[in-house]
Amino acid sequence: MAADSLVTFTFADINPITERTYARSTFAELPGYAADVVTGTLALEPGEWDILVADDEAFDFTGEDDAYPIPGAVRREHAHGGGSYVVVPAALMAPREVPEYTIGVIG
């Protein structure tokens, strides 16, 4: 696979921060690239996302199999064979700042 191929994720993928799916991670737990999809592509506020997660309805907005690009990420082949791995820029891994009043889930 080429190093410059488009790297994507779905909300059914495992969030490396929580070890749960992205669709079961609160906004504050999302890596930056997933948080950007929530607020940009899906046009949801952080608190709205947290309510969807609490109600187990996030897939209604994201789609279970819909793929979203990770800008700047590249897929690299393991040096000794055995598949590949994804390298994500550090700035896109960090969770986004969430105003205190939007943290907390109605549940």
C-alpha atoms as a PDB file:
ATOM      1  CA  MET A   1       0.000   0.000   0.000  1.00  0.00           C
ATOM      2  CA  ALA A   2       1.398   3.422  -0.906  1.00  0.00           C
ATOM      3  CA  ALA A   3       2.539   5.677   1.929  1.00  0.00           C
ATOM      4  CA  ASP A   4       0.474   8.566   0.575  1.00  0.00           C
ATOM      5  CA  SER A   5      -2.826   6.662   0.297  1.00  0.00           C
ATOM      6  CA  LEU A   6      -5.862   8.133   2.042  1.00  0.00           C
ATOM      7  CA  VAL A   7      -6.156   6.918   5.632  1.00  0.00           C
ATOM      8  CA  THR A   8      -9.660   6.735   7.052  1.00  0.00           C
ATOM      9  CA  PHE A   9     -11.505   5.637  10.184  1.00  0.00           C
ATOM     10  CA  THR A  10     -15.072   4.702  11.012  1.00  0.00           C
ATOM     11  CA  PHE A  11     -16.888   5.375  14.261  1.00  0.00           C
ATOM     12  CA  ALA A  12     -17.039   1.582  14.741  1.00  0.00           C
ATOM     13  CA  ASP A  13     -13.216   1.505  14.993  1.00  0.00           C
ATOM     14  CA  ILE A  14     -11.611   1.261  18.431  1.00  0.00           C
ATOM     15  CA  ASN A  15     -10.614   4.583  19.956  1.00  0.00           C
ATOM     16  CA  PRO A  16      -6.946   4.211  21.017  1.00  0.00           C
ATOM     17  CA  ILE A  17      -7.576   6.536  23.971  1.00  0.00           C
ATOM     18  CA  THR A  18     -10.514   4.629  25.533  1.00  0.00           C
ATOM     19  CA  GLU A  19     -10.314   1.163  23.941  1.00  0.00           C
ATOM     20  CA  ARG A  20     -14.038   1.517  23.140  1.00  0.00           C
ATOM     21  CA  THR A  21     -15.443   2.441  19.757  1.00  0.00           C
ATOM     22  CA  TYR A  22     -15.433   6.098  18.766  1.00  0.00           C
ATOM     23  CA  ALA A  23     -19.246   5.931  18.826  1.00  0.00           C
ATOM     24  CA  ARG A  24     -19.077   5.022  22.526  1.00  0.00           C
ATOM     25  CA  SER A  25     -16.527   7.708  23.453  1.00  0.00           C
ATOM     26  CA  THR A  26     -17.529  11.096  24.836  1.00  0.00           C
ATOM     27  CA  PHE A  27     -16.372  14.165  22.960  1.00  0.00           C
ATOM     28  CA  ALA A  28     -13.573  14.829  25.463  1.00  0.00           C
ATOM     29  CA  GLU A  29     -12.276  11.268  24.879  1.00  0.00           C
ATOM     30  CA  LEU A  30     -12.152  11.544  21.076  1.00  0.00           C
ATOM     31  CA  PRO A  31      -8.818  12.062  19.333  1.00  0.00           C
ATOM     32  CA  GLY A  32      -8.675  15.382  17.538  1.00  0.00           C
ATOM     33  CA  TYR A  33      -9.337  13.924  14.085  1.00  0.00           C
ATOM     34  CA  ALA A  34     -12.593  12.287  15.270  1.00  0.00           C
ATOM     35  CA  ALA A  35     -13.631  15.379  17.252  1.00  0.00           C
ATOM     36  CA  ASP A  36     -13.127  17.469  14.104  1.00  0.00           C
ATOM     37  CA  VAL A  37     -15.532  15.191  12.197  1.00  0.00           C
ATOM     38  CA  VAL A  38     -18.136  15.545  14.957  1.00  0.00           C
ATOM     39  CA  THR A  39     -18.034  19.348  15.003  1.00  0.00           C
ATOM     40  CA  GLY A  40     -17.197  19.926  11.334  1.00  0.00           C
ATOM     41  CA  THR A  41     -18.670  17.236   9.094  1.00  0.00           C
ATOM     42  CA  LEU A  42     -21.554  16.267  11.389  1.00  0.00           C
ATOM     43  CA  ALA A  43     -22.107  19.841  12.685  1.00  0.00           C
ATOM     44  CA  LEU A  44     -22.737  18.684  16.258  1.00  0.00           C
ATOM     45  CA  GLU A  45     -21.823  20.501  19.462  1.00  0.00           C
ATOM     46  CA  PRO A  46     -19.736  18.557  22.009  1.00  0.00           C
ATOM     47  CA  GLY A  47     -22.701  18.295  24.385  1.00  0.00           C
ATOM     48  CA  GLU A  48     -24.937  17.001  21.596  1.00  0.00           C
ATOM     49  CA  TRP A  49     -22.374  14.301  20.809  1.00  0.00           C
ATOM     50  CA  ASP A  50     -22.192  13.257  24.475  1.00  0.00           C
ATOM     51  CA  ILE A  51     -25.980  12.861  24.601  1.00  0.00           C
ATOM     52  CA  LEU A  52     -25.909  10.700  21.456  1.00  0.00           C
ATOM     53  CA  VAL A  53     -23.199   8.536  23.035  1.00  0.00           C
ATOM     54  CA  ALA A  54     -25.157   8.221  26.297  1.00  0.00           C
ATOM     55  CA  ASP A  55     -28.289   7.232  24.366  1.00  0.00           C
ATOM     56  CA  ASP A  56     -26.290   4.821  22.141  1.00  0.00           C
ATOM     57  CA  GLU A  57     -27.439   6.751  19.043  1.00  0.00           C
ATOM     58  CA  ALA A  58     -24.124   8.022  17.657  1.00  0.00           C
ATOM     59  CA  PHE A  59     -24.247   5.618  14.693  1.00  0.00           C
ATOM     60  CA  ASP A  60     -27.517   7.280  13.623  1.00  0.00           C
ATOM     61  CA  PHE A  61     -25.392  10.341  12.759  1.00  0.00           C
ATOM     62  CA  THR A  62     -22.058   8.813  11.770  1.00  0.00           C
ATOM     63  CA  GLY A  63     -23.088   5.614  10.049  1.00  0.00           C
ATOM     64  CA  GLU A  64     -21.496   2.418  11.284  1.00  0.00           C
ATOM     65  CA  ASP A  65     -19.463   1.814   8.122  1.00  0.00           C
ATOM     66  CA  ASP A  66     -19.021   5.365   6.801  1.00  0.00           C
ATOM     67  CA  ALA A  67     -15.312   6.152   6.431  1.00  0.00           C
ATOM     68  CA  TYR A  68     -13.906   9.571   7.342  1.00  0.00           C
ATOM     69  CA  PRO A  69     -10.412  10.744   6.300  1.00  0.00           C
ATOM     70  CA  ILE A  70      -7.649  11.451   8.807  1.00  0.00           C
ATOM     71  CA  PRO A  71      -5.832  14.460   7.303  1.00  0.00           C
ATOM     72  CA  GLY A  72      -2.068  14.088   7.250  1.00  0.00           C
ATOM     73  CA  ALA A  73      -2.096  10.460   8.407  1.00  0.00           C
ATOM     74  CA  VAL A  74      -0.063   7.921   6.466  1.00  0.00           C
ATOM     75  CA  ARG A  75      -0.032   4.133   6.342  1.00  0.00           C
ATOM     76  CA  ARG A  76       3.425   2.552   6.578  1.00  0.00           C
ATOM     77  CA  GLU A  77       4.513  -1.022   6.014  1.00  0.00           C
ATOM     78  CA  HIS A  78       6.231  -2.840   8.883  1.00  0.00           C
ATOM     79  CA  ALA A  79       9.956  -3.107   8.142  1.00  0.00           C
ATOM     80  CA  HIS A  80       9.968  -6.882   8.613  1.00  0.00           C
ATOM     81  CA  GLY A  81       6.666  -7.611   6.905  1.00  0.00           C
ATOM     82  CA  GLY A  82       3.504  -8.564   8.678  1.00  0.00           C
ATOM     83  CA  GLY A  83       1.190  -5.783   7.623  1.00  0.00           C
ATOM     84  CA  SER A  84       1.056  -2.074   8.103  1.00  0.00           C
ATOM     85  CA  TYR A  85       0.397   0.588  10.696  1.00  0.00           C
ATOM     86  CA  VAL A  86      -0.976   4.131  10.649  1.00  0.00           C
ATOM     87  CA  VAL A  87       0.990   7.208  11.666  1.00  0.00           C
ATOM     88  CA  VAL A  88      -1.202  10.122  12.769  1.00  0.00           C
ATOM     89  CA  PRO A  89       0.256  13.596  13.372  1.00  0.00           C
ATOM     90  CA  ALA A  90       0.490  14.213  17.133  1.00  0.00           C
ATOM     91  CA  ALA A  91      -1.645  17.366  16.904  1.00  0.00           C
ATOM     92  CA  LEU A  92      -4.522  15.268  15.542  1.00  0.00           C
ATOM     93  CA  MET A  93      -4.321  12.700  18.326  1.00  0.00           C
ATOM     94  CA  ALA A  94      -4.733  15.094  21.224  1.00  0.00           C
ATOM     95  CA  PRO A  95      -8.303  15.414  22.481  1.00  0.00           C
ATOM     96  CA  ARG A  96      -9.836  18.830  21.844  1.00  0.00           C
ATOM     97  CA  GLU A  97     -10.491  21.282  24.653  1.00  0.00           C
ATOM     98  CA  VAL A  98     -14.101  21.046  25.778  1.00  0.00           C
ATOM     99  CA  PRO A  99     -15.780  23.877  27.698  1.00  0.00           C
ATOM    100  CA  GLU A 100     -16.571  22.703  31.226  1.00  0.00           C
ATOM    101  CA  TYR A 101     -20.316  23.227  30.811  1.00  0.00           C
ATOM    102  CA  THR A 102     -20.487  20.693  27.947  1.00  0.00           C
ATOM    103  CA  ILE A 103     -18.692  17.895  29.791  1.00  0.00           C
ATOM    104  CA  GLY A 104     -20.964  15.469  31.507  1.00  0.00           C
ATOM    105  CA  VAL A 105     -23.477  13.201  30.006  1.00  0.00           C
ATOM    106  CA  ILE A 106     -27.155  13.095  30.629  1.00  0.00           C
ATOM    107  CA  GLY A 107     -27.827   9.509  31.459  1.00  0.00           C
END
